[in-house]
């Protein structure tokens, strides 16, 4: 299995972006995704900057993929999307069907990101016919459901060459909205947000009345309150079809996990988790409520019963 660094979900200042991707260059990651997926107003890096960063990473031996927005709302965003697709240097992660449609028209292969609704083998077959070469399943699917979908797809397209990338670590993207929840929480209109999400480098945490992590507000994106951590399932992941493990960046320390994962999947040595493992979850992977942690079950003392993140 290979290990990837997913696209940054948060709004960081340019200096922090520079620091992170220079460190990513020296990491053991096989693949690095670049680009803005949440809000088109975030412009610390513009397309030219992402392309220069991609060249730096490619020279260091990384596979580079440009990620695109998950929610296209305006004509200007569609024009920006097409400029990214037409970059001429790097393949694309499509996170909206507008990107899929254009990539199909242009005959370009792509990665289907986690916000592309693909819940059965027939949908995978259609996406594969459009040019999909790698699939990142929607984050709410369990390991068993992913394996079932892949089995159906293999029956429909027996000789298809398809990578499967699993969201292994990071806060889960749950929903996107035309409304900016960070601005709303600060009593600011969306069009005059003052880019305040830059003050929340890991999003704005929202806890339940019982003090449990519930959601994380990140501009127009709602994330899980807890961090999905499938590192305890490393032996199971390839049996469910995984060929790539995605790590979604939270801060610079995330790269320590990337290196530890690479070491684990390329050797017989036991994996040792290098970060704080509190406030983690793996419920979705196990077919339970997403916010549940390992070994927790619905109704267990101290764990939520009904709401999924």
Protein backbone atom coordinates (compact mmCIF):
# COMPACT_ATOMS: atom_id res chain seq x y z
CA UNK A 1 0.00 0.00 0.00
CA UNK A 2 1.02 3.60 -0.59
CA UNK A 3 0.42 6.60 1.68
CA UNK A 4 -0.95 9.96 0.57
CA UNK A 5 -1.25 13.43 2.07
CA UNK A 6 -4.72 14.70 1.26
CA UNK A 7 -5.58 18.27 0.26
CA UNK A 8 -5.54 20.75 3.12
CA UNK A 9 -9.10 21.36 4.36
CA UNK A 10 -8.30 24.49 6.41
CA UNK A 11 -7.36 28.10 5.72
CA UNK A 12 -3.72 28.61 6.68
CA UNK A 13 -1.53 31.70 6.18
CA UNK A 14 0.96 31.54 3.36
CA UNK A 15 3.98 31.12 5.64
CA UNK A 16 2.39 28.04 7.24
CA UNK A 17 1.56 26.60 3.82
CA UNK A 18 5.17 27.08 2.74
CA UNK A 19 6.43 25.39 5.89
CA UNK A 20 4.05 22.46 5.59
CA UNK A 21 4.75 21.62 1.96
CA UNK A 22 8.49 22.00 2.36
CA UNK A 23 8.24 19.46 5.17
CA UNK A 24 5.97 17.28 3.02
CA UNK A 25 8.70 17.29 0.38
CA UNK A 26 11.03 15.65 2.91
CA UNK A 27 8.40 13.22 4.22
CA UNK A 28 8.04 9.61 3.11
CA UNK A 29 4.63 10.21 1.51
CA UNK A 30 4.13 8.67 -1.90
CA UNK A 31 1.38 11.03 -3.06
CA UNK A 32 0.55 14.64 -2.22
CA UNK A 33 -2.74 16.32 -3.11
CA UNK A 34 -2.69 20.10 -3.57
CA UNK A 35 -5.36 22.75 -3.93
CA UNK A 36 -8.42 24.31 -2.32
CA UNK A 37 -11.46 22.08 -1.89
CA UNK A 38 -13.64 24.12 0.50
CA UNK A 39 -13.89 27.86 -0.30
CA UNK A 40 -12.87 29.76 -3.42
CA UNK A 41 -12.27 32.92 -1.35
CA UNK A 42 -9.20 31.32 0.24
CA UNK A 43 -6.35 32.60 -1.91
CA UNK A 44 -3.17 32.49 0.15
CA UNK A 45 -1.99 30.21 -2.65
CA UNK A 46 -3.22 30.82 -6.16
CA UNK A 47 -3.04 28.31 -9.02
CA UNK A 48 0.50 29.40 -9.98
CA UNK A 49 1.62 28.79 -6.40
CA UNK A 50 0.06 25.34 -6.28
CA UNK A 51 1.76 24.46 -9.57
CA UNK A 52 5.17 25.61 -8.31
CA UNK A 53 4.66 23.63 -5.12
CA UNK A 54 3.70 20.62 -7.21
CA UNK A 55 6.88 20.90 -9.26
CA UNK A 56 8.94 21.01 -6.06
CA UNK A 57 7.22 17.89 -4.74
CA UNK A 58 7.50 16.05 -8.04
CA UNK A 59 11.24 16.74 -8.14
CA UNK A 60 11.41 15.09 -4.72
CA UNK A 61 9.81 11.96 -6.14
CA UNK A 62 6.21 12.53 -5.04
CA UNK A 63 3.18 11.85 -7.18
CA UNK A 64 1.24 15.13 -7.25
CA UNK A 65 -2.52 15.48 -7.77
CA UNK A 66 -4.46 18.76 -7.96
CA UNK A 67 -7.71 18.68 -5.97
CA UNK A 68 -10.77 20.71 -6.93
CA UNK A 69 -13.67 22.31 -5.10
CA UNK A 70 -16.39 20.13 -3.60
CA UNK A 71 -19.18 22.66 -4.20
CA UNK A 72 -19.26 24.78 -7.37
CA UNK A 73 -21.67 27.69 -6.79
CA UNK A 74 -20.79 30.42 -9.30
CA UNK A 75 -19.73 30.89 -12.91
CA UNK A 76 -16.41 32.29 -11.67
CA UNK A 77 -15.78 29.07 -9.76
CA UNK A 78 -16.56 27.02 -12.85
CA UNK A 79 -14.05 29.09 -14.85
CA UNK A 80 -11.45 28.60 -12.13
CA UNK A 81 -12.16 24.87 -12.12
CA UNK A 82 -11.49 24.63 -15.86
CA UNK A 83 -8.17 26.45 -15.46
CA UNK A 84 -7.13 23.87 -12.88
CA UNK A 85 -8.21 20.96 -15.08
CA UNK A 86 -6.25 22.47 -17.97
CA UNK A 87 -3.02 22.82 -15.94
CA UNK A 88 -1.10 20.50 -18.26
CA UNK A 89 1.19 19.19 -15.49
CA UNK A 90 -0.70 17.16 -12.91
CA UNK A 91 -3.71 14.84 -12.76
CA UNK A 92 -6.91 15.90 -11.02
CA UNK A 93 -8.98 14.84 -8.04
CA UNK A 94 -12.60 15.58 -8.98
CA UNK A 95 -14.82 16.48 -6.02
CA UNK A 96 -17.83 17.74 -7.98
CA UNK A 97 -19.63 16.27 -10.99
CA UNK A 98 -18.89 19.45 -12.95
CA UNK A 99 -15.25 18.41 -12.85
CA UNK A 100 -16.09 14.83 -13.87
CA UNK A 101 -18.13 16.04 -16.86
CA UNK A 102 -15.37 18.36 -18.10
CA UNK A 103 -12.63 15.77 -17.58
CA UNK A 104 -14.67 13.24 -19.55
CA UNK A 105 -15.16 15.74 -22.39
CA UNK A 106 -11.42 16.44 -22.46
CA UNK A 107 -10.45 12.76 -22.21
CA UNK A 108 -8.45 13.19 -19.01
CA UNK A 109 -8.13 10.54 -16.26
CA UNK A 110 -8.96 11.52 -12.70
CA UNK A 111 -9.30 10.55 -9.06
CA UNK A 112 -12.89 10.44 -7.80
CA UNK A 113 -12.79 12.22 -4.44
CA UNK A 114 -14.87 11.49 -1.33
CA UNK A 115 -17.61 13.98 -2.19
CA UNK A 116 -18.53 12.19 -5.42
CA UNK A 117 -21.62 10.11 -4.59
CA UNK A 118 -20.66 6.55 -5.50
CA UNK A 119 -22.52 3.89 -3.54
CA UNK A 120 -22.64 0.86 -5.84
CA UNK A 121 -20.66 -0.96 -8.48
CA UNK A 122 -22.77 0.38 -11.35
CA UNK A 123 -21.85 3.96 -10.40
CA UNK A 124 -18.18 2.99 -10.28
CA UNK A 125 -18.54 1.48 -13.73
CA UNK A 126 -19.97 4.75 -15.08
CA UNK A 127 -17.23 6.80 -13.42
CA UNK A 128 -14.58 4.42 -14.73
CA UNK A 129 -15.98 4.90 -18.24
CA UNK A 130 -15.69 8.68 -17.70
CA UNK A 131 -11.99 8.34 -16.85
CA UNK A 132 -11.81 7.47 -13.15
CA UNK A 133 -8.59 5.64 -12.30
CA UNK A 134 -8.71 5.97 -8.50
CA UNK A 135 -11.66 5.95 -6.09
CA UNK A 136 -11.82 7.48 -2.65
CA UNK A 137 -15.09 6.15 -1.18
CA UNK A 138 -17.54 8.46 0.62
CA UNK A 139 -16.34 8.62 4.21
CA UNK A 140 -19.56 7.24 5.73
CA UNK A 141 -19.17 3.85 4.04
CA UNK A 142 -18.05 0.94 6.21
CA UNK A 143 -15.18 -1.33 5.29
CA UNK A 144 -17.63 -4.12 4.49
CA UNK A 145 -19.75 -1.85 2.28
CA UNK A 146 -16.65 -0.74 0.35
CA UNK A 147 -15.64 -4.35 -0.22
CA UNK A 148 -19.17 -5.21 -1.43
CA UNK A 149 -19.24 -2.28 -3.86
CA UNK A 150 -15.82 -3.22 -5.22
CA UNK A 151 -16.87 -6.85 -5.67
CA UNK A 152 -19.90 -5.72 -7.69
CA UNK A 153 -17.71 -3.42 -9.77
CA UNK A 154 -15.19 -6.21 -10.46
CA UNK A 155 -18.01 -8.40 -11.75
CA UNK A 156 -19.15 -5.62 -14.08
CA UNK A 157 -15.65 -4.62 -15.22
CA UNK A 158 -13.44 -7.68 -14.59
CA UNK A 159 -10.14 -6.28 -15.87
CA UNK A 160 -10.43 -2.72 -14.57
CA UNK A 161 -7.31 -1.21 -13.05
CA UNK A 162 -8.64 0.81 -10.11
CA UNK A 163 -6.77 2.17 -7.11
CA UNK A 164 -8.80 2.49 -3.90
CA UNK A 165 -7.79 5.20 -1.45
CA UNK A 166 -9.18 5.07 2.09
CA UNK A 167 -9.57 8.09 4.40
CA UNK A 168 -7.33 6.69 7.12
CA UNK A 169 -6.71 9.71 9.34
CA UNK A 170 -8.22 13.18 9.67
CA UNK A 171 -11.47 14.98 10.35
CA UNK A 172 -14.21 13.73 8.08
CA UNK A 173 -15.90 16.06 5.58
CA UNK A 174 -19.60 15.54 6.28
CA UNK A 175 -21.48 18.32 4.46
CA UNK A 176 -21.09 21.48 2.40
CA UNK A 177 -23.47 24.44 2.26
CA UNK A 178 -23.90 27.72 0.42
CA UNK A 179 -23.84 29.31 3.89
CA UNK A 180 -20.53 29.95 5.66
CA UNK A 181 -21.02 28.65 9.19
CA UNK A 182 -17.78 30.14 10.50
CA UNK A 183 -18.90 33.62 9.42
CA UNK A 184 -22.37 33.01 10.84
CA UNK A 185 -20.95 31.95 14.20
CA UNK A 186 -19.02 35.24 14.32
CA UNK A 187 -22.07 37.29 13.23
CA UNK A 188 -20.49 38.17 9.89
CA UNK A 189 -22.14 38.03 6.44
CA UNK A 190 -20.59 35.49 4.09
CA UNK A 191 -19.52 38.15 1.58
CA UNK A 192 -17.80 40.15 4.32
CA UNK A 193 -16.31 37.30 6.32
CA UNK A 194 -12.89 38.98 6.72
CA UNK A 195 -11.43 35.49 6.07
CA UNK A 196 -11.87 34.77 9.77
CA UNK A 197 -11.54 31.01 9.25
CA UNK A 198 -7.79 31.67 9.12
CA UNK A 199 -8.07 32.16 12.90
CA UNK A 200 -9.15 28.53 13.26
CA UNK A 201 -6.36 26.41 11.76
CA UNK A 202 -8.19 23.18 12.63
CA UNK A 203 -11.72 24.54 12.32
CA UNK A 204 -14.14 25.73 15.00
CA UNK A 205 -15.07 22.88 17.40
CA UNK A 206 -18.71 22.35 18.36
CA UNK A 207 -19.44 20.08 21.34
CA UNK A 208 -22.71 18.54 22.45
CA UNK A 209 -24.44 19.60 25.69
CA UNK A 210 -22.76 16.61 27.29
CA UNK A 211 -19.35 17.93 26.28
CA UNK A 212 -18.77 15.36 23.54
CA UNK A 213 -17.08 16.50 20.30
CA UNK A 214 -19.92 16.73 17.78
CA UNK A 215 -18.96 18.80 14.72
CA UNK A 216 -16.20 21.08 13.47
CA UNK A 217 -17.16 24.18 11.48
CA UNK A 218 -14.78 25.00 8.65
CA UNK A 219 -16.27 27.74 6.50
CA UNK A 220 -18.99 26.20 4.31
CA UNK A 221 -17.84 22.73 5.34
CA UNK A 222 -19.10 20.76 8.33
CA UNK A 223 -16.61 18.19 9.59
CA UNK A 224 -16.71 15.49 12.22
CA UNK A 225 -15.95 16.60 15.75
CA UNK A 226 -13.60 13.68 16.25
CA UNK A 227 -10.70 12.60 14.05
CA UNK A 228 -11.16 9.40 12.08
CA UNK A 229 -8.26 7.08 12.87
CA UNK A 230 -8.11 3.73 11.07
CA UNK A 231 -4.50 3.04 11.99
CA UNK A 232 -5.66 0.22 14.26
CA UNK A 233 -7.15 -1.45 11.17
CA UNK A 234 -3.97 -1.62 9.07
CA UNK A 235 -4.22 -5.39 8.62
CA UNK A 236 -7.88 -5.16 7.57
CA UNK A 237 -7.63 -2.23 5.14
CA UNK A 238 -6.08 -4.16 2.21
CA UNK A 239 -8.63 -6.95 2.61
CA UNK A 240 -11.35 -4.36 1.97
CA UNK A 241 -9.63 -3.21 -1.21
CA UNK A 242 -7.37 -0.38 -0.02
CA UNK A 243 -4.28 0.30 -2.11
CA UNK A 244 -3.65 3.83 -0.76
CA UNK A 245 -4.02 5.26 2.76
CA UNK A 246 -4.95 8.95 2.95
CA UNK A 247 -3.83 11.19 5.79
CA UNK A 248 -5.71 14.52 5.92
CA UNK A 249 -3.44 17.25 7.36
CA UNK A 250 -4.27 18.81 10.71
CA UNK A 251 -0.91 20.46 11.39
CA UNK A 252 2.79 19.88 10.82
CA UNK A 253 2.84 16.95 13.25
CA UNK A 254 0.58 15.00 10.86
CA UNK A 255 3.67 14.28 8.78
CA UNK A 256 5.05 12.15 11.62
CA UNK A 257 2.06 9.89 11.16
CA UNK A 258 2.67 9.76 7.41
CA UNK A 259 6.22 8.55 7.97
CA UNK A 260 5.11 6.01 10.58
CA UNK A 261 2.46 4.60 8.22
CA UNK A 262 4.95 4.27 5.37
CA UNK A 263 7.36 2.45 7.68
CA UNK A 264 4.61 0.11 8.86
CA UNK A 265 3.24 -0.86 5.44
CA UNK A 266 6.70 -1.46 4.01
CA UNK A 267 8.05 -3.60 6.83
CA UNK A 268 6.98 -6.31 9.22
CA UNK A 269 7.54 -4.09 12.24
CA UNK A 270 4.49 -3.26 14.40
CA UNK A 271 2.95 0.14 13.88
CA UNK A 272 3.32 2.62 16.72
CA UNK A 273 0.95 5.57 16.64
CA UNK A 274 3.11 8.73 17.02
CA UNK A 275 0.39 11.28 17.95
CA UNK A 276 -2.17 11.86 20.68
CA UNK A 277 -4.92 9.28 20.11
CA UNK A 278 -7.65 10.99 22.13
CA UNK A 279 -10.86 12.29 20.49
CA UNK A 280 -10.57 9.72 17.72
CA UNK A 281 -13.27 7.64 16.04
CA UNK A 282 -13.66 4.72 13.66
CA UNK A 283 -17.40 4.07 13.85
CA UNK A 284 -18.21 4.49 10.18
CA UNK A 285 -15.55 1.96 9.19
CA UNK A 286 -17.10 -0.58 11.55
CA UNK A 287 -20.65 0.11 10.34
CA UNK A 288 -21.63 2.00 13.50
CA UNK A 289 -22.33 5.65 14.31
CA UNK A 290 -19.37 7.57 12.93
CA UNK A 291 -18.49 9.37 16.16
CA UNK A 292 -17.90 6.13 18.07
CA UNK A 293 -14.34 5.21 18.95
CA UNK A 294 -12.78 1.80 18.65
CA UNK A 295 -14.58 -0.89 20.65
CA UNK A 296 -17.46 1.48 21.52
CA UNK A 297 -20.94 0.37 20.58
CA UNK A 298 -24.25 2.29 20.51
CA UNK A 299 -25.73 2.55 23.98
CA UNK A 300 -22.41 2.03 25.74
CA UNK A 301 -21.89 4.25 28.77
CA UNK A 302 -20.35 7.57 27.85
CA UNK A 303 -20.99 7.14 24.12
CA UNK A 304 -23.78 8.69 22.03
CA UNK A 305 -26.61 6.51 20.83
CA UNK A 306 -28.39 8.04 17.87
CA UNK A 307 -26.72 10.94 16.03
CA UNK A 308 -24.00 10.19 13.53
CA UNK A 309 -21.42 12.92 12.82
